[in-house]
Amino acid sequence: MIHMLSRFNLKPGVTVETFRDDYMKLVADMKALGLVEGTGQMGRRELATPMDTDREDAPEFYAVMMFRDRDQLDRSYAYLTDRDANIATTHPAVNRAVVDAVFTCWRDLD
């Protein structure tokens, strides 16, 4: 399984509820097309703890998507960057709502 961590802030005026609804719709659309296995819950950073030691980079929100394998991950990327794709109505809504987005991928150790 490959996981992708998305770290981001929401643009001013974007509510967490609206973003979460749009994000879950995007994941559902991608899952229906076989482009993602799923996602975990969206999370908000918990800064008031000594366990959070990343002081240089402090995005407020996080989400993790899961992909079956590299092929599915690559097909997902190709589809999301295709301006003519059917998903164009959900991905741009998610994209327009965030700033400071950083994505990190890793594979489970077998």
C-alpha atoms as a PDB file:
ATOM      1  CA  MET A   1       0.000   0.000   0.000  1.00  0.00           C
ATOM      2  CA  ILE A   2       1.192   3.513  -0.812  1.00  0.00           C
ATOM      3  CA  HIS A   3       0.049   6.420   1.320  1.00  0.00           C
ATOM      4  CA  MET A   4       0.034  10.121   0.445  1.00  0.00           C
ATOM      5  CA  LEU A   5       0.021  12.695   3.206  1.00  0.00           C
ATOM      6  CA  SER A   6      -1.451  16.050   2.196  1.00  0.00           C
ATOM      7  CA  ARG A   7      -0.487  18.962   4.460  1.00  0.00           C
ATOM      8  CA  PHE A   8      -2.198  22.283   3.807  1.00  0.00           C
ATOM      9  CA  ASN A   9      -3.881  25.412   5.070  1.00  0.00           C
ATOM     10  CA  LEU A  10      -7.315  26.566   3.997  1.00  0.00           C
ATOM     11  CA  LYS A  11      -7.699  29.892   2.239  1.00  0.00           C
ATOM     12  CA  PRO A  12      -9.457  32.641   4.187  1.00  0.00           C
ATOM     13  CA  GLY A  13     -13.219  32.250   3.953  1.00  0.00           C
ATOM     14  CA  VAL A  14     -13.142  28.494   3.285  1.00  0.00           C
ATOM     15  CA  THR A  15     -14.909  26.586   6.034  1.00  0.00           C
ATOM     16  CA  VAL A  16     -13.615  23.260   7.294  1.00  0.00           C
ATOM     17  CA  GLU A  17     -17.047  21.710   6.717  1.00  0.00           C
ATOM     18  CA  THR A  18     -17.251  22.812   3.070  1.00  0.00           C
ATOM     19  CA  PHE A  19     -13.713  21.686   2.370  1.00  0.00           C
ATOM     20  CA  ARG A  20     -14.233  18.316   4.049  1.00  0.00           C
ATOM     21  CA  ASP A  21     -17.406  17.738   1.985  1.00  0.00           C
ATOM     22  CA  ASP A  22     -15.573  18.612  -1.251  1.00  0.00           C
ATOM     23  CA  TYR A  23     -12.583  16.444  -0.299  1.00  0.00           C
ATOM     24  CA  MET A  24     -14.780  13.433   0.509  1.00  0.00           C
ATOM     25  CA  LYS A  25     -16.640  13.878  -2.804  1.00  0.00           C
ATOM     26  CA  LEU A  26     -13.304  13.944  -4.640  1.00  0.00           C
ATOM     27  CA  VAL A  27     -12.180  10.745  -2.912  1.00  0.00           C
ATOM     28  CA  ALA A  28     -15.533   9.062  -3.669  1.00  0.00           C
ATOM     29  CA  ASP A  29     -15.235  10.048  -7.351  1.00  0.00           C
ATOM     30  CA  MET A  30     -11.667   8.736  -7.503  1.00  0.00           C
ATOM     31  CA  LYS A  31     -12.617   5.511  -5.712  1.00  0.00           C
ATOM     32  CA  ALA A  32     -15.475   4.897  -8.161  1.00  0.00           C
ATOM     33  CA  LEU A  33     -12.929   5.187 -10.981  1.00  0.00           C
ATOM     34  CA  GLY A  34     -10.484   2.813  -9.284  1.00  0.00           C
ATOM     35  CA  LEU A  35      -7.938   5.600  -8.724  1.00  0.00           C
ATOM     36  CA  VAL A  36      -7.665   5.399  -4.929  1.00  0.00           C
ATOM     37  CA  GLU A  37      -8.330   2.807  -2.256  1.00  0.00           C
ATOM     38  CA  GLY A  38      -9.586   5.347   0.268  1.00  0.00           C
ATOM     39  CA  THR A  39      -8.727   8.046   2.752  1.00  0.00           C
ATOM     40  CA  GLY A  40      -8.518   8.506   6.475  1.00  0.00           C
ATOM     41  CA  GLN A  41     -10.252  11.253   8.386  1.00  0.00           C
ATOM     42  CA  MET A  42      -9.117  14.795   7.701  1.00  0.00           C
ATOM     43  CA  GLY A  43      -7.226  16.135  10.710  1.00  0.00           C
ATOM     44  CA  ARG A  44      -6.269  19.420  12.297  1.00  0.00           C
ATOM     45  CA  ARG A  45      -2.815  19.931  13.724  1.00  0.00           C
ATOM     46  CA  GLU A  46      -2.424  19.701  17.487  1.00  0.00           C
ATOM     47  CA  LEU A  47       0.283  22.260  18.277  1.00  0.00           C
ATOM     48  CA  ALA A  48      -0.119  22.474  22.053  1.00  0.00           C
ATOM     49  CA  THR A  49       1.940  19.360  22.771  1.00  0.00           C
ATOM     50  CA  PRO A  50       5.669  18.670  23.109  1.00  0.00           C
ATOM     51  CA  MET A  51       5.145  15.665  20.810  1.00  0.00           C
ATOM     52  CA  ASP A  52       4.698  18.049  17.832  1.00  0.00           C
ATOM     53  CA  THR A  53       8.292  19.064  17.138  1.00  0.00           C
ATOM     54  CA  ASP A  54       7.992  20.461  13.589  1.00  0.00           C
ATOM     55  CA  ARG A  55       8.400  24.178  14.254  1.00  0.00           C
ATOM     56  CA  GLU A  56       9.561  25.100  10.741  1.00  0.00           C
ATOM     57  CA  ASP A  57       6.522  23.937   8.817  1.00  0.00           C
ATOM     58  CA  ALA A  58       3.158  24.355  10.456  1.00  0.00           C
ATOM     59  CA  PRO A  59       0.225  23.657   8.142  1.00  0.00           C
ATOM     60  CA  GLU A  60      -3.037  23.384  10.008  1.00  0.00           C
ATOM     61  CA  PHE A  61      -4.746  20.498   8.166  1.00  0.00           C
ATOM     62  CA  TYR A  62      -3.817  16.952   7.121  1.00  0.00           C
ATOM     63  CA  ALA A  63      -5.316  14.076   5.152  1.00  0.00           C
ATOM     64  CA  VAL A  64      -3.965  10.709   4.012  1.00  0.00           C
ATOM     65  CA  MET A  65      -5.009   8.890   0.823  1.00  0.00           C
ATOM     66  CA  MET A  66      -4.188   5.241   0.249  1.00  0.00           C
ATOM     67  CA  PHE A  67      -3.265   3.653  -3.071  1.00  0.00           C
ATOM     68  CA  ARG A  68      -3.037  -0.072  -3.821  1.00  0.00           C
ATOM     69  CA  ASP A  69       0.250   0.247  -5.726  1.00  0.00           C
ATOM     70  CA  ARG A  70       2.439   2.563  -7.777  1.00  0.00           C
ATOM     71  CA  ASP A  71       0.376   1.984 -10.910  1.00  0.00           C
ATOM     72  CA  GLN A  72      -2.787   3.234  -9.196  1.00  0.00           C
ATOM     73  CA  LEU A  73      -0.907   6.217  -7.750  1.00  0.00           C
ATOM     74  CA  ASP A  74       0.490   7.150 -11.167  1.00  0.00           C
ATOM     75  CA  ARG A  75      -2.896   6.747 -12.884  1.00  0.00           C
ATOM     76  CA  SER A  76      -4.427   8.927 -10.196  1.00  0.00           C
ATOM     77  CA  TYR A  77      -1.863  11.670 -10.768  1.00  0.00           C
ATOM     78  CA  ALA A  78      -2.369  11.539 -14.535  1.00  0.00           C
ATOM     79  CA  TYR A  79      -6.119  11.800 -14.138  1.00  0.00           C
ATOM     80  CA  LEU A  80      -5.999  14.664 -11.638  1.00  0.00           C
ATOM     81  CA  THR A  81      -3.713  16.686 -13.881  1.00  0.00           C
ATOM     82  CA  ASP A  82      -5.848  16.065 -17.005  1.00  0.00           C
ATOM     83  CA  ARG A  83      -7.887  19.237 -17.506  1.00  0.00           C
ATOM     84  CA  ASP A  84     -10.414  17.381 -19.637  1.00  0.00           C
ATOM     85  CA  ALA A  85     -11.092  14.669 -17.054  1.00  0.00           C
ATOM     86  CA  ASN A  86     -14.603  14.121 -15.724  1.00  0.00           C
ATOM     87  CA  ILE A  87     -13.379  14.770 -12.199  1.00  0.00           C
ATOM     88  CA  ALA A  88     -12.638  18.359 -13.170  1.00  0.00           C
ATOM     89  CA  THR A  89     -15.582  19.614 -11.149  1.00  0.00           C
ATOM     90  CA  THR A  90     -14.379  18.172  -7.820  1.00  0.00           C
ATOM     91  CA  HIS A  91     -10.576  18.423  -7.944  1.00  0.00           C
ATOM     92  CA  PRO A  92     -10.427  22.140  -8.790  1.00  0.00           C
ATOM     93  CA  ALA A  93     -12.809  22.899  -5.908  1.00  0.00           C
ATOM     94  CA  VAL A  94     -10.400  21.185  -3.511  1.00  0.00           C
ATOM     95  CA  ASN A  95      -7.381  22.828  -5.147  1.00  0.00           C
ATOM     96  CA  ARG A  96      -8.899  26.312  -4.999  1.00  0.00           C
ATOM     97  CA  ALA A  97      -9.600  25.956  -1.274  1.00  0.00           C
ATOM     98  CA  VAL A  98      -6.030  25.287  -0.119  1.00  0.00           C
ATOM     99  CA  VAL A  99      -2.710  27.100   0.167  1.00  0.00           C
ATOM    100  CA  ASP A 100       0.727  25.920   1.241  1.00  0.00           C
ATOM    101  CA  ALA A 101      -0.011  22.363   0.065  1.00  0.00           C
ATOM    102  CA  VAL A 102       2.770  19.785   0.406  1.00  0.00           C
ATOM    103  CA  PHE A 103       2.392  16.105  -0.478  1.00  0.00           C
ATOM    104  CA  THR A 104       4.498  13.240   0.872  1.00  0.00           C
ATOM    105  CA  CYS A 105       4.223   9.637  -0.328  1.00  0.00           C
ATOM    106  CA  TRP A 106       5.487   6.463   1.321  1.00  0.00           C
ATOM    107  CA  ARG A 107       5.095   2.716   0.862  1.00  0.00           C
ATOM    108  CA  ASP A 108       4.345   0.217   3.616  1.00  0.00           C
ATOM    109  CA  LEU A 109       7.282  -2.034   4.446  1.00  0.00           C
ATOM    110  CA  ASP A 110       6.454  -5.641   3.651  1.00  0.00           C
END
